[in-house]
Amino acid sequence: MTNKINIDETISWQEITPGGNVCASGNSEEFHTGDWRTIKPVFIADKCNQCLLCAPVCPDLAIPVKDGKRGDFIYEYCKGCGICAKVCPVKAIEMKADN
């Protein structure tokens, strides 16, 4: 079991795990990386034909699929790369400014 470190404005640099080191596997759900995104994908459900081409190309697993249908984005993990919008054949994903 690993010790969980809360990284916030009170932590000193000596307490932070060095970059590039993987200290534990299977822990990506613990890190919400979507807060530094400048653009975000917007799902247009009416246009979607549920082909699911977007889900496997998402590097952050931010597109949930349940019972063969995709849901709305999990923005806590989405970095706004736009790959999903590029592969969508029916333009059901639009990239918009993230305010």
C-alpha atoms as a PDB file:
ATOM      1  CA  MET A   1       0.000   0.000   0.000  1.00  0.00           C
ATOM      2  CA  THR A   2       1.321   3.423  -0.904  1.00  0.00           C
ATOM      3  CA  ASN A   3       1.139   6.578   1.147  1.00  0.00           C
ATOM      4  CA  LYS A   4      -1.080   9.107  -0.556  1.00  0.00           C
ATOM      5  CA  ILE A   5       0.385  12.608  -0.727  1.00  0.00           C
ATOM      6  CA  ASN A   6      -1.986  15.552  -0.973  1.00  0.00           C
ATOM      7  CA  ILE A   7      -0.337  18.035  -3.329  1.00  0.00           C
ATOM      8  CA  ASP A   8      -1.604  21.546  -2.680  1.00  0.00           C
ATOM      9  CA  GLU A   9      -0.218  24.998  -1.881  1.00  0.00           C
ATOM     10  CA  THR A  10       1.027  23.857   1.558  1.00  0.00           C
ATOM     11  CA  ILE A  11       3.381  21.096   0.351  1.00  0.00           C
ATOM     12  CA  SER A  12       7.127  21.668   0.097  1.00  0.00           C
ATOM     13  CA  TRP A  13       9.104  20.581  -2.946  1.00  0.00           C
ATOM     14  CA  GLN A  14      10.935  17.959  -0.880  1.00  0.00           C
ATOM     15  CA  GLU A  15       7.683  16.070  -0.255  1.00  0.00           C
ATOM     16  CA  ILE A  16       6.669  15.792  -3.918  1.00  0.00           C
ATOM     17  CA  THR A  17       7.373  12.576  -5.843  1.00  0.00           C
ATOM     18  CA  PRO A  18      10.057  13.186  -8.490  1.00  0.00           C
ATOM     19  CA  GLY A  19       8.625  13.548 -12.008  1.00  0.00           C
ATOM     20  CA  GLY A  20       8.807  10.586 -14.338  1.00  0.00           C
ATOM     21  CA  ASN A  21       8.660   8.023 -11.530  1.00  0.00           C
ATOM     22  CA  VAL A  22       5.738   5.628 -11.447  1.00  0.00           C
ATOM     23  CA  CYS A  23       5.185   4.854  -7.777  1.00  0.00           C
ATOM     24  CA  ALA A  24       2.092   2.703  -8.170  1.00  0.00           C
ATOM     25  CA  SER A  25       0.196   1.144 -11.054  1.00  0.00           C
ATOM     26  CA  GLY A  26      -3.487   1.491 -11.854  1.00  0.00           C
ATOM     27  CA  ASN A  27      -3.876   4.800 -10.040  1.00  0.00           C
ATOM     28  CA  SER A  28      -4.780   7.204 -12.857  1.00  0.00           C
ATOM     29  CA  GLU A  29      -8.315   7.622 -11.476  1.00  0.00           C
ATOM     30  CA  GLU A  30      -6.770   9.342  -8.431  1.00  0.00           C
ATOM     31  CA  PHE A  31      -5.477  12.222 -10.565  1.00  0.00           C
ATOM     32  CA  HIS A  32      -7.948  14.715 -11.972  1.00  0.00           C
ATOM     33  CA  THR A  33      -5.998  16.323 -14.805  1.00  0.00           C
ATOM     34  CA  GLY A  34      -8.787  18.124 -16.633  1.00  0.00           C
ATOM     35  CA  ASP A  35      -8.441  21.396 -14.734  1.00  0.00           C
ATOM     36  CA  TRP A  36      -5.633  22.716 -16.960  1.00  0.00           C
ATOM     37  CA  ARG A  37      -7.582  22.256 -20.199  1.00  0.00           C
ATOM     38  CA  THR A  38      -8.172  25.379 -22.373  1.00  0.00           C
ATOM     39  CA  ILE A  39     -10.652  23.813 -24.807  1.00  0.00           C
ATOM     40  CA  LYS A  40     -13.123  21.056 -24.121  1.00  0.00           C
ATOM     41  CA  PRO A  41     -15.156  18.635 -26.160  1.00  0.00           C
ATOM     42  CA  VAL A  42     -18.915  19.078 -26.074  1.00  0.00           C
ATOM     43  CA  PHE A  43     -21.027  15.976 -26.735  1.00  0.00           C
ATOM     44  CA  ILE A  44     -24.064  16.527 -28.991  1.00  0.00           C
ATOM     45  CA  ALA A  45     -26.227  13.511 -28.194  1.00  0.00           C
ATOM     46  CA  ASP A  46     -28.774  14.208 -30.960  1.00  0.00           C
ATOM     47  CA  LYS A  47     -26.064  13.812 -33.626  1.00  0.00           C
ATOM     48  CA  CYS A  48     -24.375  10.745 -32.107  1.00  0.00           C
ATOM     49  CA  ASN A  49     -24.997   7.390 -33.798  1.00  0.00           C
ATOM     50  CA  GLN A  50     -23.227   5.462 -30.990  1.00  0.00           C
ATOM     51  CA  CYS A  51     -20.484   4.113 -33.274  1.00  0.00           C
ATOM     52  CA  LEU A  52     -18.104   4.408 -30.282  1.00  0.00           C
ATOM     53  CA  LEU A  53     -15.091   5.366 -32.416  1.00  0.00           C
ATOM     54  CA  CYS A  54     -14.343   8.151 -29.928  1.00  0.00           C
ATOM     55  CA  ALA A  55     -14.009   6.045 -26.773  1.00  0.00           C
ATOM     56  CA  PRO A  56     -10.947   3.921 -27.615  1.00  0.00           C
ATOM     57  CA  VAL A  57      -8.926   6.885 -28.918  1.00  0.00           C
ATOM     58  CA  CYS A  58      -9.353   8.977 -25.770  1.00  0.00           C
ATOM     59  CA  PRO A  59      -5.962   8.861 -24.002  1.00  0.00           C
ATOM     60  CA  ASP A  60      -7.569   9.768 -20.675  1.00  0.00           C
ATOM     61  CA  LEU A  61     -10.537   7.370 -20.679  1.00  0.00           C
ATOM     62  CA  ALA A  62     -12.789  10.403 -20.283  1.00  0.00           C
ATOM     63  CA  ILE A  63     -15.575   8.940 -22.433  1.00  0.00           C
ATOM     64  CA  PRO A  64     -17.639   6.466 -20.436  1.00  0.00           C
ATOM     65  CA  VAL A  65     -19.312   3.564 -22.232  1.00  0.00           C
ATOM     66  CA  LYS A  66     -22.072   1.581 -20.560  1.00  0.00           C
ATOM     67  CA  ASP A  67     -24.260  -1.058 -22.161  1.00  0.00           C
ATOM     68  CA  GLY A  68     -22.812  -0.271 -25.596  1.00  0.00           C
ATOM     69  CA  LYS A  69     -23.605   3.443 -25.440  1.00  0.00           C
ATOM     70  CA  ARG A  70     -21.331   6.343 -24.712  1.00  0.00           C
ATOM     71  CA  GLY A  71     -22.152   8.917 -22.080  1.00  0.00           C
ATOM     72  CA  ASP A  72     -21.127  12.520 -21.614  1.00  0.00           C
ATOM     73  CA  PHE A  73     -17.489  13.370 -20.953  1.00  0.00           C
ATOM     74  CA  ILE A  74     -15.865  12.971 -17.562  1.00  0.00           C
ATOM     75  CA  TYR A  75     -14.295  16.419 -17.551  1.00  0.00           C
ATOM     76  CA  GLU A  76     -12.216  15.749 -14.441  1.00  0.00           C
ATOM     77  CA  TYR A  77      -9.923  13.613 -16.640  1.00  0.00           C
ATOM     78  CA  CYS A  78     -10.331  15.189 -20.101  1.00  0.00           C
ATOM     79  CA  LYS A  79      -7.330  17.268 -21.170  1.00  0.00           C
ATOM     80  CA  GLY A  80      -9.035  18.709 -24.273  1.00  0.00           C
ATOM     81  CA  CYS A  81      -6.742  17.104 -26.862  1.00  0.00           C
ATOM     82  CA  GLY A  82      -9.564  16.908 -29.442  1.00  0.00           C
ATOM     83  CA  ILE A  83      -8.773  13.440 -30.791  1.00  0.00           C
ATOM     84  CA  CYS A  84     -12.358  12.355 -30.141  1.00  0.00           C
ATOM     85  CA  ALA A  85     -13.729  15.231 -32.230  1.00  0.00           C
ATOM     86  CA  LYS A  86     -11.361  14.392 -35.095  1.00  0.00           C
ATOM     87  CA  VAL A  87     -12.495  10.749 -35.319  1.00  0.00           C
ATOM     88  CA  CYS A  88     -16.229  11.380 -34.932  1.00  0.00           C
ATOM     89  CA  PRO A  89     -17.761  10.693 -38.374  1.00  0.00           C
ATOM     90  CA  VAL A  90     -21.032  12.508 -37.605  1.00  0.00           C
ATOM     91  CA  LYS A  91     -19.550  15.601 -35.883  1.00  0.00           C
ATOM     92  CA  ALA A  92     -21.291  14.824 -32.585  1.00  0.00           C
ATOM     93  CA  ILE A  93     -18.322  16.289 -30.673  1.00  0.00           C
ATOM     94  CA  GLU A  94     -17.427  19.961 -30.937  1.00  0.00           C
ATOM     95  CA  MET A  95     -14.390  21.593 -29.357  1.00  0.00           C
ATOM     96  CA  LYS A  96     -15.260  24.784 -27.473  1.00  0.00           C
ATOM     97  CA  ALA A  97     -13.380  27.218 -25.256  1.00  0.00           C
ATOM     98  CA  ASP A  98     -13.313  26.078 -21.642  1.00  0.00           C
ATOM     99  CA  ASN A  99     -14.128  29.066 -19.459  1.00  0.00           C
END
